[in-house]
C-alpha cells in the first residue's frame, strides 16, 4: 500500500520543535501530509465537543495513514477511526515499565514506533501488535556546531535533557567514569538541595570535574535545540531514550 495522504496528530511543541521536525521530514516522503494541532482544537471548541470536530477533520481528509504523536489524540476518536484507517503512534522516551494509559493507546493502533529498543519485548508481551524500534537522530539543520570561545560550554560529553530521573543520573555517573561530563537542559525534575539545583543550572552535574575543550553532544530526545553555543570540535550523536 502506498501512503501519500497522512494526517499527523499532535501538539505544536514550540520549545523543542519535535513535531515541526517530524512534519518536515514526513512531507519529504508524503508531500500531502497535514498537521492537526489538538490543543488548538480544544481551545477553539472549548464550548462544544472538540472530539467531534477532530474526528470530522480526520474523516473529511480521508488519509491513508493517521500518525499520532504519543497519546495526543483523544482516545474516543482513536477508537472510532481505527477500523477505517491505518493508524500508528510515535512514542519516545518511554518509562520502564510502560504505564497502563500508554498501553491502552498502543493496543489500538496498527503500528507502535518507539525509540527504546529494549522495550519492544515489554510492549509485545503487553498485547501491542506491532511495536517497532525507530532510531531517533539529529537534525542536520538544527543540530549543528556553533563556535564559541566561552569555556563554560566545553566538555568531553554533554548530556542534553532532564538528568534528574534516577536512572539517568546513574547513566551519567557511569559515563563520567571515562569522560568529563556536563549536563544541560531542563531541571524541573531535579530533586535535592538548592545548591544541587544551582549546579544543574550552571550545567555541571554535582561532584563532576571541570571539562576540557571539546565534547560529544548526546541527545536523549529531540528536546535539545543545538543552535545553542557549543565548544569547538564538537561531534554530534543521538542516544536512544535513556
Protein backbone atom coordinates (compact mmCIF):
# COMPACT_ATOMS: atom_id res chain seq x y z
CA UNK A 1 0.00 0.00 0.00
CA UNK A 2 1.37 3.40 -0.99
CA UNK A 3 0.91 6.09 1.64
CA UNK A 4 0.54 9.58 0.20
CA UNK A 5 -2.12 11.24 2.36
CA UNK A 6 -1.09 11.42 6.03
CA UNK A 7 -2.66 13.34 8.88
CA UNK A 8 -0.20 13.92 11.72
CA UNK A 9 -1.85 14.49 15.11
CA UNK A 10 -0.04 16.14 17.99
CA UNK A 11 0.92 19.33 19.81
CA UNK A 12 2.91 22.22 18.36
CA UNK A 13 5.82 21.69 20.83
CA UNK A 14 7.28 25.13 20.11
CA UNK A 15 10.07 24.77 22.68
CA UNK A 16 11.56 21.55 21.34
CA UNK A 17 10.35 21.72 17.75
CA UNK A 18 9.82 17.94 17.78
CA UNK A 19 6.60 17.84 15.80
CA UNK A 20 7.82 20.52 13.38
CA UNK A 21 10.93 18.48 12.58
CA UNK A 22 8.84 15.34 12.15
CA UNK A 23 6.34 17.05 9.86
CA UNK A 24 9.17 18.47 7.76
CA UNK A 25 10.66 15.00 7.34
CA UNK A 26 7.26 13.43 6.74
CA UNK A 27 6.48 15.81 3.89
CA UNK A 28 9.61 14.69 2.07
CA UNK A 29 8.01 11.25 1.73
CA UNK A 30 4.35 12.32 1.78
CA UNK A 31 4.02 15.89 0.43
CA UNK A 32 0.29 15.95 1.19
CA UNK A 33 0.78 15.35 4.92
CA UNK A 34 -1.26 17.64 7.16
CA UNK A 35 -0.88 18.55 10.81
CA UNK A 36 -3.77 18.52 13.29
CA UNK A 37 -2.93 20.57 16.38
CA UNK A 38 -5.06 19.02 19.14
CA UNK A 39 -4.58 21.75 21.81
CA UNK A 40 -5.65 24.36 19.26
CA UNK A 41 -8.86 22.42 18.58
CA UNK A 42 -9.54 22.14 22.30
CA UNK A 43 -9.10 25.88 22.69
CA UNK A 44 -11.15 26.76 19.61
CA UNK A 45 -14.05 24.49 20.51
CA UNK A 46 -13.90 24.90 24.27
CA UNK A 47 -17.70 25.39 24.49
CA UNK A 48 -18.53 22.49 22.17
CA UNK A 49 -17.44 18.93 21.56
CA UNK A 50 -13.87 19.27 20.28
CA UNK A 51 -13.60 15.50 19.84
CA UNK A 52 -16.39 15.65 17.26
CA UNK A 53 -14.50 18.34 15.31
CA UNK A 54 -11.22 16.40 15.47
CA UNK A 55 -12.99 13.30 14.17
CA UNK A 56 -14.63 15.32 11.40
CA UNK A 57 -11.28 16.80 10.34
CA UNK A 58 -9.76 13.32 10.02
CA UNK A 59 -12.65 11.80 8.09
CA UNK A 60 -13.01 14.81 5.77
CA UNK A 61 -9.35 14.46 4.73
CA UNK A 62 -9.71 10.68 4.41
CA UNK A 63 -6.00 9.90 4.89
CA UNK A 64 -4.07 6.74 4.05
CA UNK A 65 -2.39 6.94 7.46
CA UNK A 66 -3.19 8.60 10.78
CA UNK A 67 0.11 9.22 12.56
CA UNK A 68 -0.17 10.16 16.23
CA UNK A 69 2.49 11.73 18.40
CA UNK A 70 2.45 9.97 21.78
CA UNK A 71 -1.06 9.99 23.28
CA UNK A 72 -2.18 13.31 21.80
CA UNK A 73 -5.34 12.07 20.10
CA UNK A 74 -8.50 11.76 22.27
CA UNK A 75 -8.95 8.05 22.99
CA UNK A 76 -12.60 8.07 21.90
CA UNK A 77 -11.57 9.42 18.48
CA UNK A 78 -8.90 6.75 18.10
CA UNK A 79 -11.46 4.04 18.85
CA UNK A 80 -13.75 5.40 16.13
CA UNK A 81 -11.16 5.67 13.36
CA UNK A 82 -9.03 2.57 13.94
CA UNK A 83 -11.21 0.26 11.85
CA UNK A 84 -11.34 2.67 8.91
CA UNK A 85 -7.78 3.98 8.69
CA UNK A 86 -4.24 2.71 9.06
CA UNK A 87 -3.03 4.08 12.41
CA UNK A 88 0.39 4.49 14.01
CA UNK A 89 1.79 6.06 17.17
CA UNK A 90 5.25 7.52 17.55
CA UNK A 91 6.38 7.46 21.18
CA UNK A 92 9.78 8.46 22.51
CA UNK A 93 11.49 8.44 25.87
CA UNK A 94 9.23 5.84 27.47
CA UNK A 95 9.15 4.78 31.08
CA UNK A 96 10.01 1.27 32.20
CA UNK A 97 7.64 -0.43 32.74
CA UNK A 98 5.22 1.44 30.44
CA UNK A 99 2.15 2.95 32.06
CA UNK A 100 -1.33 1.50 31.58
CA UNK A 101 -2.62 4.60 29.76
CA UNK A 102 0.11 4.28 27.15
CA UNK A 103 -0.55 0.57 26.73
CA UNK A 104 -4.24 1.31 26.27
CA UNK A 105 -3.39 3.55 23.33
CA UNK A 106 -0.68 1.29 21.92
CA UNK A 107 -3.03 -1.71 21.73
CA UNK A 108 -5.42 0.21 19.46
CA UNK A 109 -3.04 1.09 16.62
CA UNK A 110 -1.63 -0.91 13.74
CA UNK A 111 1.96 0.18 14.38
CA UNK A 112 3.66 1.49 17.51
CA UNK A 113 7.02 3.18 16.94
CA UNK A 114 9.29 3.65 19.93
CA UNK A 115 12.85 4.87 20.40
CA UNK A 116 13.76 2.50 23.22
CA UNK A 117 14.79 -0.79 21.63
CA UNK A 118 14.89 -2.62 24.95
CA UNK A 119 11.15 -2.09 25.45
CA UNK A 120 9.93 -3.86 22.32
CA UNK A 121 9.52 -7.15 24.17
CA UNK A 122 7.65 -5.45 27.03
CA UNK A 123 5.11 -3.91 24.68
CA UNK A 124 4.67 -7.12 22.71
CA UNK A 125 4.06 -9.09 25.91
CA UNK A 126 1.54 -6.43 26.97
CA UNK A 127 -0.56 -7.07 23.86
CA UNK A 128 0.75 -4.42 21.45
CA UNK A 129 0.53 -5.86 17.94
CA UNK A 130 3.44 -4.24 16.13
CA UNK A 131 5.97 -2.48 18.36
CA UNK A 132 8.76 -1.23 16.08
CA UNK A 133 12.09 0.33 17.01
CA UNK A 134 12.55 3.76 15.42
CA UNK A 135 16.02 5.28 15.62
CA UNK A 136 15.98 8.89 16.73
CA UNK A 137 18.67 11.16 15.38
CA UNK A 138 19.88 14.72 14.97
CA UNK A 139 18.50 17.25 12.52
CA UNK A 140 21.25 18.47 10.17
CA UNK A 141 19.78 21.96 10.08
CA UNK A 142 19.17 22.47 13.79
CA UNK A 143 21.76 20.28 15.49
CA UNK A 144 24.99 21.78 14.31
CA UNK A 145 28.25 23.21 15.61
CA UNK A 146 28.22 26.85 16.69
CA UNK A 147 31.77 28.01 17.53
CA UNK A 148 32.31 29.71 20.87
CA UNK A 149 35.37 30.78 22.85
CA UNK A 150 33.45 30.68 26.13
CA UNK A 151 34.93 27.78 28.11
CA UNK A 152 31.74 27.19 30.05
CA UNK A 153 30.37 25.21 27.07
CA UNK A 154 33.44 22.96 26.91
CA UNK A 155 33.22 19.27 27.88
CA UNK A 156 34.04 15.81 26.54
CA UNK A 157 30.43 14.67 26.89
CA UNK A 158 27.36 16.89 27.21
CA UNK A 159 24.09 15.37 28.33
CA UNK A 160 21.14 17.33 26.92
CA UNK A 161 17.86 16.63 28.66
CA UNK A 162 16.45 16.21 32.17
CA UNK A 163 19.10 14.47 34.26
CA UNK A 164 17.00 14.40 37.43
CA UNK A 165 15.45 10.94 36.86
CA UNK A 166 17.36 8.36 38.98
CA UNK A 167 18.19 6.03 36.08
CA UNK A 168 19.60 8.94 34.07
CA UNK A 169 21.73 10.11 36.97
CA UNK A 170 23.17 6.59 37.24
CA UNK A 171 23.86 6.60 33.50
CA UNK A 172 25.64 9.94 33.74
CA UNK A 173 27.75 8.73 36.65
CA UNK A 174 28.80 5.73 34.56
CA UNK A 175 29.69 7.95 31.59
CA UNK A 176 31.62 10.28 33.87
CA UNK A 177 33.96 7.48 34.94
CA UNK A 178 35.51 7.57 31.47
CA UNK A 179 34.71 11.07 30.19
CA UNK A 180 34.47 14.60 31.53
CA UNK A 181 30.76 15.42 31.60
CA UNK A 182 28.38 18.37 31.70
CA UNK A 183 24.59 18.16 31.95
CA UNK A 184 22.43 20.74 30.20
CA UNK A 185 18.69 21.13 29.84
CA UNK A 186 15.57 21.13 31.97
CA UNK A 187 15.92 20.83 35.73
CA UNK A 188 12.24 20.56 36.56
CA UNK A 189 12.64 17.05 37.95
CA UNK A 190 15.91 17.59 39.77
CA UNK A 191 15.38 16.94 43.45
CA UNK A 192 17.58 17.85 46.38
CA UNK A 193 19.11 20.96 47.87
CA UNK A 194 19.13 24.40 46.28
CA UNK A 195 22.88 24.01 45.85
CA UNK A 196 22.27 20.93 43.73
CA UNK A 197 19.71 22.80 41.65
CA UNK A 198 22.17 25.63 41.07
CA UNK A 199 24.79 23.10 39.97
CA UNK A 200 22.41 21.74 37.32
CA UNK A 201 21.54 25.27 36.23
CA UNK A 202 25.22 26.04 35.69
CA UNK A 203 25.49 22.87 33.62
CA UNK A 204 27.68 20.82 35.96
CA UNK A 205 26.47 17.57 37.46
CA UNK A 206 27.31 17.78 41.19
CA UNK A 207 30.68 16.27 42.02
CA UNK A 208 31.92 16.20 38.44
CA UNK A 209 35.17 17.81 37.40
CA UNK A 210 35.93 20.70 35.06
CA UNK A 211 35.74 19.53 31.42
CA UNK A 212 38.29 20.17 28.66
CA UNK A 213 37.83 22.00 25.35
CA UNK A 214 35.69 19.80 23.08
CA UNK A 215 32.79 17.48 23.71
CA UNK A 216 30.40 14.95 22.26
CA UNK A 217 26.82 16.17 22.45
CA UNK A 218 24.47 13.34 23.39
CA UNK A 219 20.76 13.94 22.97
CA UNK A 220 18.40 11.53 24.76
CA UNK A 221 15.39 13.05 22.99
CA UNK A 222 14.82 15.71 20.39
CA UNK A 223 14.21 18.34 23.10
CA UNK A 224 17.58 19.95 22.52
CA UNK A 225 17.89 22.87 20.11
CA UNK A 226 21.55 22.67 19.19
CA UNK A 227 21.74 26.17 17.84
CA UNK A 228 22.93 26.86 21.38
CA UNK A 229 26.63 27.64 21.67
CA UNK A 230 28.82 24.59 21.98
CA UNK A 231 32.55 24.08 22.23
CA UNK A 232 34.93 23.84 19.25
CA UNK A 233 35.48 20.44 17.69
CA UNK A 234 32.07 19.15 18.76
CA UNK A 235 30.70 15.98 17.26
CA UNK A 236 27.01 15.17 17.46
CA UNK A 237 25.36 11.87 18.27
CA UNK A 238 21.96 10.68 19.41
CA UNK A 239 21.43 8.27 22.28
CA UNK A 240 18.16 6.37 22.10
CA UNK A 241 15.89 7.20 25.03
CA UNK A 242 17.97 6.70 28.10
